[in-house]
């Protein structure tokens, strides 16, 4: 699945929201793959989640 119709900003926002809402890990992995393929940096959302846990 490609997310080529999404702007970079929308893709990154979608990744952040999906992570915060704990959506399907498979969906998040698809977003991560697209972010990587575009050469974008993922938001620091994962670091924030780990801080909340600890």
N, C-alpha and C. Protein backbone atom coordinates (compact mmCIF):
# COMPACT_ATOMS: atom_id res chain seq x y z
N UNK A 1 0.86 -1.18 0.00
CA UNK A 1 0.00 0.00 0.00
C UNK A 1 0.89 1.23 0.00
N UNK A 2 0.60 2.14 -0.86
CA UNK A 2 1.36 3.40 -0.94
C UNK A 2 0.47 4.55 -0.48
N UNK A 3 1.12 5.51 0.13
CA UNK A 3 0.43 6.71 0.60
C UNK A 3 0.89 7.91 -0.21
N UNK A 4 1.14 7.69 -1.48
CA UNK A 4 1.73 8.73 -2.33
C UNK A 4 0.86 9.97 -2.47
N UNK A 5 -0.44 9.84 -2.25
CA UNK A 5 -1.31 11.00 -2.39
C UNK A 5 -1.27 11.91 -1.15
N UNK A 6 -0.70 11.40 -0.07
CA UNK A 6 -0.59 12.21 1.15
C UNK A 6 0.63 13.12 1.06
N UNK A 7 0.47 14.33 1.54
CA UNK A 7 1.64 15.22 1.64
C UNK A 7 2.54 14.68 2.75
N UNK A 8 3.79 15.12 2.76
CA UNK A 8 4.72 14.70 3.80
C UNK A 8 4.17 15.06 5.18
N UNK A 9 3.66 16.27 5.29
CA UNK A 9 3.13 16.74 6.58
C UNK A 9 1.96 15.87 7.05
N UNK A 10 1.05 15.55 6.13
CA UNK A 10 -0.10 14.72 6.48
C UNK A 10 0.34 13.32 6.88
N UNK A 11 1.32 12.79 6.16
CA UNK A 11 1.85 11.46 6.48
C UNK A 11 2.45 11.45 7.89
N UNK A 12 3.26 12.44 8.20
CA UNK A 12 3.88 12.51 9.53
C UNK A 12 2.84 12.71 10.62
N UNK A 13 1.84 13.55 10.35
CA UNK A 13 0.76 13.75 11.33
C UNK A 13 -0.04 12.47 11.53
N UNK A 14 -0.27 11.75 10.45
CA UNK A 14 -1.01 10.49 10.53
C UNK A 14 -0.25 9.48 11.37
N UNK A 15 1.06 9.41 11.17
CA UNK A 15 1.89 8.51 11.96
C UNK A 15 1.81 8.88 13.45
N UNK A 16 1.91 10.15 13.74
CA UNK A 16 1.87 10.60 15.13
C UNK A 16 0.52 10.27 15.76
N UNK A 17 -0.56 10.58 15.07
CA UNK A 17 -1.90 10.31 15.60
C UNK A 17 -2.13 8.81 15.78
N UNK A 18 -1.73 8.02 14.80
CA UNK A 18 -1.90 6.57 14.88
C UNK A 18 -1.14 6.00 16.07
N UNK A 19 0.05 6.53 16.31
CA UNK A 19 0.85 6.07 17.45
C UNK A 19 0.20 6.47 18.77
N UNK A 20 -0.26 7.70 18.86
CA UNK A 20 -0.88 8.18 20.10
C UNK A 20 -2.17 7.44 20.41
N UNK A 21 -2.91 7.07 19.37
CA UNK A 21 -4.19 6.38 19.55
C UNK A 21 -4.04 4.87 19.63
N UNK A 22 -2.79 4.40 19.54
CA UNK A 22 -2.49 2.96 19.60
C UNK A 22 -3.30 2.18 18.57
N UNK A 23 -3.31 2.70 17.34
CA UNK A 23 -3.99 1.99 16.26
C UNK A 23 -3.21 0.74 15.90
N UNK A 24 -3.71 0.00 14.95
CA UNK A 24 -3.12 -1.26 14.54
C UNK A 24 -1.61 -1.14 14.29
N UNK A 25 -0.82 -2.00 14.90
CA UNK A 25 0.62 -1.98 14.65
C UNK A 25 0.96 -2.16 13.17
N UNK A 26 0.17 -2.94 12.47
CA UNK A 26 0.40 -3.14 11.03
C UNK A 26 0.22 -1.83 10.27
N UNK A 27 -0.79 -1.06 10.63
CA UNK A 27 -1.03 0.23 9.98
C UNK A 27 0.12 1.19 10.28
N UNK A 28 0.56 1.21 11.52
CA UNK A 28 1.67 2.09 11.90
C UNK A 28 2.93 1.69 11.15
N UNK A 29 3.17 0.40 10.98
CA UNK A 29 4.33 -0.07 10.22
C UNK A 29 4.26 0.38 8.77
N UNK A 30 3.06 0.37 8.19
CA UNK A 30 2.91 0.86 6.81
C UNK A 30 3.27 2.34 6.71
N UNK A 31 2.81 3.10 7.68
CA UNK A 31 3.15 4.52 7.70
C UNK A 31 4.66 4.71 7.88
N UNK A 32 5.26 3.94 8.77
CA UNK A 32 6.71 4.02 8.99
C UNK A 32 7.48 3.70 7.72
N UNK A 33 7.02 2.69 7.01
CA UNK A 33 7.69 2.29 5.77
C UNK A 33 7.65 3.43 4.76
N UNK A 34 6.50 4.07 4.62
CA UNK A 34 6.36 5.19 3.68
C UNK A 34 7.25 6.36 4.10
N UNK A 35 7.29 6.63 5.39
CA UNK A 35 8.14 7.71 5.90
C UNK A 35 9.60 7.43 5.57
N UNK A 36 10.03 6.20 5.78
CA UNK A 36 11.41 5.81 5.48
C UNK A 36 11.69 5.91 3.99
N UNK A 37 10.76 5.44 3.16
CA UNK A 37 10.96 5.49 1.71
C UNK A 37 11.06 6.92 1.20
N UNK A 38 10.39 7.83 1.87
CA UNK A 38 10.47 9.24 1.47
C UNK A 38 11.69 9.94 2.07
N UNK A 39 12.40 9.26 2.94
CA UNK A 39 13.58 9.85 3.56
C UNK A 39 13.25 10.90 4.60
N UNK A 40 12.09 10.76 5.23
CA UNK A 40 11.65 11.71 6.25
C UNK A 40 12.06 11.22 7.63
N UNK A 41 12.13 12.12 8.56
CA UNK A 41 12.40 11.77 9.96
C UNK A 41 11.08 11.58 10.68
N UNK A 42 10.98 10.48 11.42
CA UNK A 42 9.77 10.22 12.18
C UNK A 42 9.69 11.18 13.35
N UNK A 43 8.48 11.56 13.72
CA UNK A 43 8.31 12.42 14.90
C UNK A 43 8.82 11.69 16.14
N UNK A 44 9.13 12.42 17.16
CA UNK A 44 9.64 11.83 18.40
C UNK A 44 8.53 11.27 19.27
N UNK A 45 7.44 10.89 18.66
CA UNK A 45 6.29 10.39 19.42
C UNK A 45 6.64 9.14 20.21
N UNK A 46 7.48 8.28 19.65
CA UNK A 46 7.81 7.05 20.36
C UNK A 46 8.60 7.35 21.63
N UNK A 47 9.48 8.32 21.58
CA UNK A 47 10.23 8.71 22.77
C UNK A 47 9.28 9.24 23.83
N UNK A 48 8.28 10.01 23.42
CA UNK A 48 7.31 10.56 24.36
C UNK A 48 6.52 9.43 25.02
N UNK A 49 6.15 8.41 24.24
CA UNK A 49 5.38 7.30 24.79
C UNK A 49 6.19 6.53 25.82
N UNK A 50 7.48 6.32 25.56
CA UNK A 50 8.32 5.61 26.50
C UNK A 50 8.49 6.40 27.79
N UNK A 51 8.56 7.72 27.70
CA UNK A 51 8.67 8.55 28.90
C UNK A 51 7.42 8.41 29.76
N UNK A 52 6.24 8.31 29.12
CA UNK A 52 5.00 8.16 29.86
C UNK A 52 4.97 6.83 30.61
N UNK A 53 5.53 5.79 30.00
CA UNK A 53 5.52 4.46 30.60
C UNK A 53 6.45 4.41 31.81
N UNK A 54 7.60 5.03 31.69
CA UNK A 54 8.61 4.97 32.77
C UNK A 54 8.28 5.94 33.81
